[in-house]
Amino acid sequence: MARRNKDLIFNMNSEPQQTSPLPIYWRIYSILREEIIDGHYNVSVALPSEDAIAERFSTSRLTVRKAMDLLKSEGYLATRRGVGTFVAATLPPGSEPHSFTSNLTDMWKQTETKLLEFGMIAAPADAAAALEVEQGDLVHKAIRLRSYKGRPIGLLTTFIQERLAKNYTPDDFMGAPLFKLFLRDGSPSVTARQRISARSADPFSAEHLEVEIGSPILCVRRISYDIDGKPISFLRSHFRHDRYEIEWDLEVDTVSQKAIWRGAGSDQKDMPNTALFDLDPN
């Protein structure tokens, strides 16, 4: 009799049949890698055997071995002959997800940027809706790849109103975060609405983030507004889920009964990293 979950269809007498686009070994690799980074395994204690891991994931030992070999090649595991396989004493550089929430400029300072696309285009449907222009109107589009210690973290696609970006140069985009460019040119971004969700990597994102097509990625969409409440930019970012995280601190105002979320480590001046939520929406 088959057992179902959202990713696999298991048959007790056969190899798991895939319903996910990701190879089984890759999903096992991803789960084990996250567990290693999270400290689930003691570096002085051998990992479970390949047979035990195969039983855990209801798959073959050969599939598990492929996942384990990949972890070894990347420096997460080390084999001690006659003893077993252990978590490496020192994990590869950039293994842990990096958080850039204390200030909007932190990410800019700590990461490298590669400009992949830059210029005016006809606004696609989502950008037109966000910027409140007609589909096909001219908007500025830029795609930037951000990396940390040589490892890709995020792919940022920005659409900006033509009137603001018509004089921008590639050096402008490489030299400062957008909100500083808007401030420099007299159109500061004073508020923004941001939505965070899970997505599957499309071919373009997969290529540049160095993941499999269909892999889970973190999608951040942000519309920034000027002092008059008019949208000036639309940002669509795709981040590797294993290299980027968003951390917030929660404070409760007992008088207003508002839950105040702030970017971790931020102070009251870091308004772009602050959000208010009713504790009792009813």
Protein backbone atom coordinates (compact mmCIF):
# COMPACT_ATOMS: atom_id res chain seq x y z
CA MET A 1 0.00 0.00 0.00
CA ALA A 2 1.32 3.44 -0.87
CA ARG A 3 1.86 6.24 1.65
CA ARG A 4 1.53 9.85 0.51
CA ASN A 5 3.03 13.13 1.53
CA LYS A 6 3.30 16.39 -0.38
CA ASP A 7 6.62 15.55 -2.02
CA LEU A 8 6.81 11.82 -2.62
CA ILE A 9 4.64 8.82 -3.32
CA PHE A 10 6.09 5.84 -1.50
CA ASN A 11 5.64 2.22 -2.41
CA MET A 12 6.90 -0.31 0.10
CA ASN A 13 8.45 -2.43 -2.66
CA SER A 14 10.03 0.22 -4.84
CA GLU A 15 12.06 3.41 -4.96
CA PRO A 16 10.08 6.60 -4.13
CA GLN A 17 8.33 8.11 -7.13
CA GLN A 18 8.93 11.83 -7.50
CA THR A 19 6.19 14.40 -7.61
CA SER A 20 8.60 17.25 -6.77
CA PRO A 21 10.84 18.60 -9.56
CA LEU A 22 13.88 18.27 -7.27
CA PRO A 23 15.87 15.00 -7.27
CA ILE A 24 15.42 12.92 -4.13
CA TYR A 25 19.13 12.99 -3.31
CA TRP A 26 19.09 16.80 -3.51
CA ARG A 27 16.22 17.06 -1.04
CA ILE A 28 18.01 14.72 1.36
CA TYR A 29 21.18 16.77 0.93
CA SER A 30 19.29 20.00 1.65
CA ILE A 31 17.64 18.66 4.81
CA LEU A 32 20.87 17.19 6.18
CA ARG A 33 22.78 20.36 5.35
CA GLU A 34 20.26 22.50 7.22
CA GLU A 35 20.40 20.13 10.20
CA ILE A 36 24.20 20.33 10.22
CA ILE A 37 24.15 24.14 10.14
CA ASP A 38 21.50 24.24 12.88
CA GLY A 39 23.72 22.10 15.12
CA HIS A 40 21.58 18.97 15.23
CA TYR A 41 24.66 16.73 15.16
CA ASN A 42 27.52 16.59 17.64
CA VAL A 43 30.88 16.83 15.89
CA SER A 44 32.26 14.14 18.20
CA VAL A 45 29.50 11.61 17.43
CA ALA A 46 29.25 9.75 14.13
CA LEU A 47 26.22 10.43 11.96
CA PRO A 48 23.61 7.71 11.55
CA SER A 49 24.58 5.04 9.04
CA GLU A 50 23.57 5.26 5.39
CA ASP A 51 21.09 2.44 6.02
CA ALA A 52 19.51 4.38 8.89
CA ILE A 53 19.26 7.56 6.83
CA ALA A 54 17.81 5.60 3.90
CA GLU A 55 15.16 4.18 6.24
CA ARG A 56 14.38 7.65 7.59
CA PHE A 57 13.74 9.01 4.08
CA SER A 58 12.19 5.79 2.72
CA THR A 59 14.69 5.64 -0.11
CA SER A 60 17.67 3.60 -1.23
CA ARG A 61 21.14 3.57 0.24
CA LEU A 62 22.53 4.58 -3.16
CA THR A 63 20.44 7.77 -3.13
CA VAL A 64 21.60 8.59 0.39
CA ARG A 65 25.22 7.99 -0.58
CA LYS A 66 24.89 10.50 -3.41
CA ALA A 67 23.61 13.12 -0.95
CA MET A 68 26.36 12.30 1.55
CA ASP A 69 29.06 12.50 -1.13
CA LEU A 70 27.84 15.97 -2.05
CA LEU A 71 27.99 17.07 1.58
CA LYS A 72 31.53 15.71 1.85
CA SER A 73 32.65 17.45 -1.34
CA GLU A 74 31.37 20.78 0.00
CA GLY A 75 33.14 20.35 3.33
CA TYR A 76 30.20 19.64 5.63
CA LEU A 77 31.15 16.05 6.40
CA ALA A 78 34.37 14.13 6.94
CA THR A 79 34.89 10.36 7.00
CA ARG A 80 37.12 8.67 9.54
CA ARG A 81 38.19 5.30 8.24
CA GLY A 82 36.83 2.49 10.38
CA VAL A 83 34.90 4.89 12.62
CA GLY A 84 32.20 6.61 10.59
CA THR A 85 31.12 9.92 9.08
CA PHE A 86 31.20 13.09 11.18
CA VAL A 87 30.23 16.71 10.84
CA ALA A 88 33.30 18.74 9.87
CA ALA A 89 34.89 20.60 12.77
CA THR A 90 34.80 23.81 10.71
CA LEU A 91 31.94 24.38 8.29
CA PRO A 92 32.55 25.98 4.86
CA PRO A 93 32.70 29.81 4.76
CA GLY A 94 29.30 31.42 4.24
CA SER A 95 27.40 28.30 5.30
CA GLU A 96 25.09 30.01 7.74
CA PRO A 97 22.28 32.24 6.47
CA HIS A 98 23.23 35.90 6.83
CA SER A 99 20.87 38.46 8.27
CA PHE A 100 21.05 42.11 7.21
CA THR A 101 18.18 43.52 9.21
CA SER A 102 19.77 45.98 11.66
CA ASN A 103 20.00 48.68 8.99
CA LEU A 104 19.10 48.96 5.32
CA THR A 105 22.71 49.82 4.47
CA ASP A 106 24.17 46.73 6.19
CA MET A 107 23.43 44.43 3.29
CA TRP A 108 25.00 46.92 0.89
CA LYS A 109 28.18 47.21 2.94
CA GLN A 110 28.66 43.51 3.57
CA THR A 111 27.91 42.07 0.13
CA GLU A 112 29.24 42.36 -3.41
CA THR A 113 27.11 43.49 -6.35
CA LYS A 114 27.08 42.45 -10.00
CA LEU A 115 24.85 44.42 -12.36
CA LEU A 116 23.16 42.04 -14.82
CA GLU A 117 20.71 44.37 -16.56
CA PHE A 118 20.25 48.15 -16.69
CA GLY A 119 18.01 50.35 -18.84
CA MET A 120 14.54 51.52 -19.81
CA ILE A 121 11.93 48.94 -20.78
CA ALA A 122 8.19 48.68 -21.38
CA ALA A 123 6.60 48.04 -17.99
CA PRO A 124 5.45 44.42 -17.49
CA ALA A 125 2.08 43.85 -15.85
CA ASP A 126 3.25 43.47 -12.25
CA ALA A 127 5.54 46.50 -12.37
CA ALA A 128 2.86 48.62 -14.04
CA ALA A 129 0.35 47.72 -11.35
CA ALA A 130 2.84 48.41 -8.55
CA LEU A 131 3.98 51.75 -9.98
CA GLU A 132 0.46 52.76 -11.03
CA VAL A 133 1.37 53.28 -14.68
CA GLU A 134 0.01 51.76 -17.86
CA GLN A 135 1.36 48.43 -19.01
CA GLY A 136 3.93 49.20 -21.70
CA ASP A 137 4.86 52.63 -20.29
CA LEU A 138 8.58 53.22 -19.94
CA VAL A 139 10.11 52.32 -16.58
CA HIS A 140 13.67 51.75 -15.52
CA LYS A 141 14.71 48.17 -14.85
CA ALA A 142 17.86 46.94 -13.15
CA ILE A 143 18.83 43.43 -12.08
CA ARG A 144 21.57 43.04 -9.47
CA LEU A 145 23.12 39.87 -8.12
CA ARG A 146 24.27 40.17 -4.53
CA SER A 147 26.86 37.78 -3.11
CA TYR A 148 28.51 37.22 0.25
CA LYS A 149 32.06 35.89 0.35
CA GLY A 150 31.74 34.90 -3.30
CA ARG A 151 28.53 32.92 -2.82
CA PRO A 152 25.28 34.21 -4.39
CA ILE A 153 22.62 35.32 -1.93
CA GLY A 154 20.00 37.28 -3.79
CA LEU A 155 18.79 38.40 -7.19
CA LEU A 156 17.23 41.87 -6.99
CA THR A 157 15.06 43.20 -9.82
CA THR A 158 14.08 46.84 -9.47
CA PHE A 159 11.58 48.89 -11.49
CA ILE A 160 11.67 52.68 -11.04
CA GLN A 161 9.53 55.50 -12.38
CA GLU A 162 11.05 56.87 -15.59
CA ARG A 163 11.08 60.46 -14.30
CA LEU A 164 13.35 59.47 -11.42
CA ALA A 165 15.72 57.07 -13.13
CA LYS A 166 16.22 58.61 -16.56
CA ASN A 167 19.56 60.13 -15.52
CA TYR A 168 20.84 57.23 -13.43
CA THR A 169 24.04 55.50 -14.47
CA PRO A 170 25.29 51.98 -13.73
CA ASP A 171 27.81 53.52 -11.33
CA ASP A 172 24.94 55.03 -9.34
CA PHE A 173 23.43 51.57 -8.85
CA MET A 174 26.75 50.06 -7.91
CA GLY A 175 27.67 52.80 -5.48
CA ALA A 176 24.69 53.22 -3.16
CA PRO A 177 21.38 51.67 -2.10
CA LEU A 178 18.31 53.00 -3.87
CA PHE A 179 16.86 54.96 -0.98
CA LYS A 180 20.04 57.04 -0.91
CA LEU A 181 19.72 57.76 -4.63
CA PHE A 182 16.13 58.89 -4.14
CA LEU A 183 17.18 61.10 -1.23
CA ARG A 184 20.04 62.58 -3.27
CA ASP A 185 17.67 63.53 -6.08
CA GLY A 186 15.03 65.09 -3.85
CA SER A 187 12.44 62.29 -3.99
CA PRO A 188 13.00 60.41 -0.75
CA SER A 189 11.27 57.12 -0.13
CA VAL A 190 9.39 57.68 3.12
CA THR A 191 7.20 54.58 3.35
CA ALA A 192 7.14 51.10 1.84
CA ARG A 193 4.94 48.03 1.75
CA GLN A 194 6.71 44.70 1.74
CA ARG A 195 5.47 41.16 1.17
CA ILE A 196 7.51 38.05 1.89
CA SER A 197 6.59 34.66 0.48
CA ALA A 198 7.99 31.35 -0.71
CA ARG A 199 8.52 30.74 -4.42
CA SER A 200 10.04 28.14 -6.73
CA ALA A 201 13.18 29.17 -8.58
CA ASP A 202 12.59 29.92 -12.27
CA PRO A 203 15.40 29.14 -14.74
CA PHE A 204 16.89 32.65 -14.60
CA SER A 205 16.93 32.78 -10.78
CA ALA A 206 18.16 29.20 -10.55
CA GLU A 207 21.10 29.93 -12.85
CA HIS A 208 22.31 32.97 -10.95
CA LEU A 209 21.56 31.74 -7.43
CA GLU A 210 23.17 28.39 -8.29
CA VAL A 211 20.21 26.22 -7.29
CA GLU A 212 18.08 23.65 -9.08
CA ILE A 213 15.11 24.89 -11.11
CA GLY A 214 12.07 24.58 -8.85
CA SER A 215 14.07 24.88 -5.64
CA PRO A 216 12.37 26.84 -2.85
CA ILE A 217 13.52 30.44 -2.63
CA LEU A 218 12.49 33.44 -0.56
CA CYS A 219 10.64 36.12 -2.50
CA VAL A 220 10.52 39.69 -1.18
CA ARG A 221 8.35 42.25 -2.98
CA ARG A 222 8.52 45.89 -1.92
CA ILE A 223 6.79 49.01 -3.20
CA SER A 224 8.34 52.28 -2.01
CA TYR A 225 6.36 55.53 -1.84
CA ASP A 226 7.34 59.20 -1.80
CA ILE A 227 6.13 61.84 0.62
CA ASP A 228 2.92 62.28 -1.40
CA GLY A 229 2.12 58.57 -1.23
CA LYS A 230 3.00 57.97 -4.88
CA PRO A 231 4.85 54.75 -5.76
CA ILE A 232 8.38 55.39 -6.97
CA SER A 233 9.92 51.92 -7.10
CA PHE A 234 9.00 48.26 -7.15
CA LEU A 235 11.54 45.72 -5.94
CA ARG A 236 11.24 42.00 -6.61
CA SER A 237 13.96 40.02 -4.85
CA HIS A 238 14.71 36.31 -4.89
CA PHE A 239 16.95 35.00 -2.12
CA ARG A 240 18.46 31.61 -1.48
CA HIS A 241 16.60 30.22 1.51
CA ASP A 242 19.80 28.69 2.89
CA ARG A 243 21.88 31.88 2.73
CA TYR A 244 19.52 34.65 3.71
CA GLU A 245 17.23 35.12 6.67
CA ILE A 246 15.04 37.90 8.06
CA GLU A 247 15.09 38.40 11.81
CA TRP A 248 12.68 40.56 13.78
CA ASP A 249 12.28 41.56 17.41
CA LEU A 250 8.78 41.80 18.89
CA GLU A 251 7.77 44.46 21.41
CA VAL A 252 4.27 44.71 22.86
CA ASP A 253 2.74 48.09 23.65
CA THR A 254 0.39 47.27 26.51
CA VAL A 255 -1.51 50.56 26.12
CA SER A 256 -2.32 50.42 22.40
CA GLN A 257 -2.23 46.62 22.27
CA LYS A 258 -0.04 46.78 19.22
CA ALA A 259 2.68 44.25 18.50
CA ILE A 260 5.65 46.21 17.17
CA TRP A 261 8.04 44.26 15.00
CA ARG A 262 11.48 45.77 14.42
CA GLY A 263 14.44 44.53 12.44
CA ALA A 264 16.67 42.67 14.89
CA GLY A 265 19.12 45.05 16.50
CA SER A 266 17.35 48.15 15.18
CA ASP A 267 16.35 51.23 17.15
CA GLN A 268 13.28 53.41 16.77
CA LYS A 269 14.86 55.33 13.89
CA ASP A 270 14.98 52.23 11.72
CA MET A 271 11.44 52.72 10.51
CA PRO A 272 11.87 50.67 7.27
CA ASN A 273 12.43 47.64 9.51
CA THR A 274 9.37 48.26 11.71
CA ALA A 275 5.83 46.92 11.38
CA LEU A 276 2.71 47.20 13.55
CA PHE A 277 0.16 44.45 14.07
CA ASP A 278 -3.03 44.32 16.14
CA LEU A 279 -2.76 41.68 18.84
CA ASP A 280 -6.52 41.20 18.61
CA PRO A 281 -7.65 41.68 15.00
CA ASN A 282 -11.29 41.30 16.07
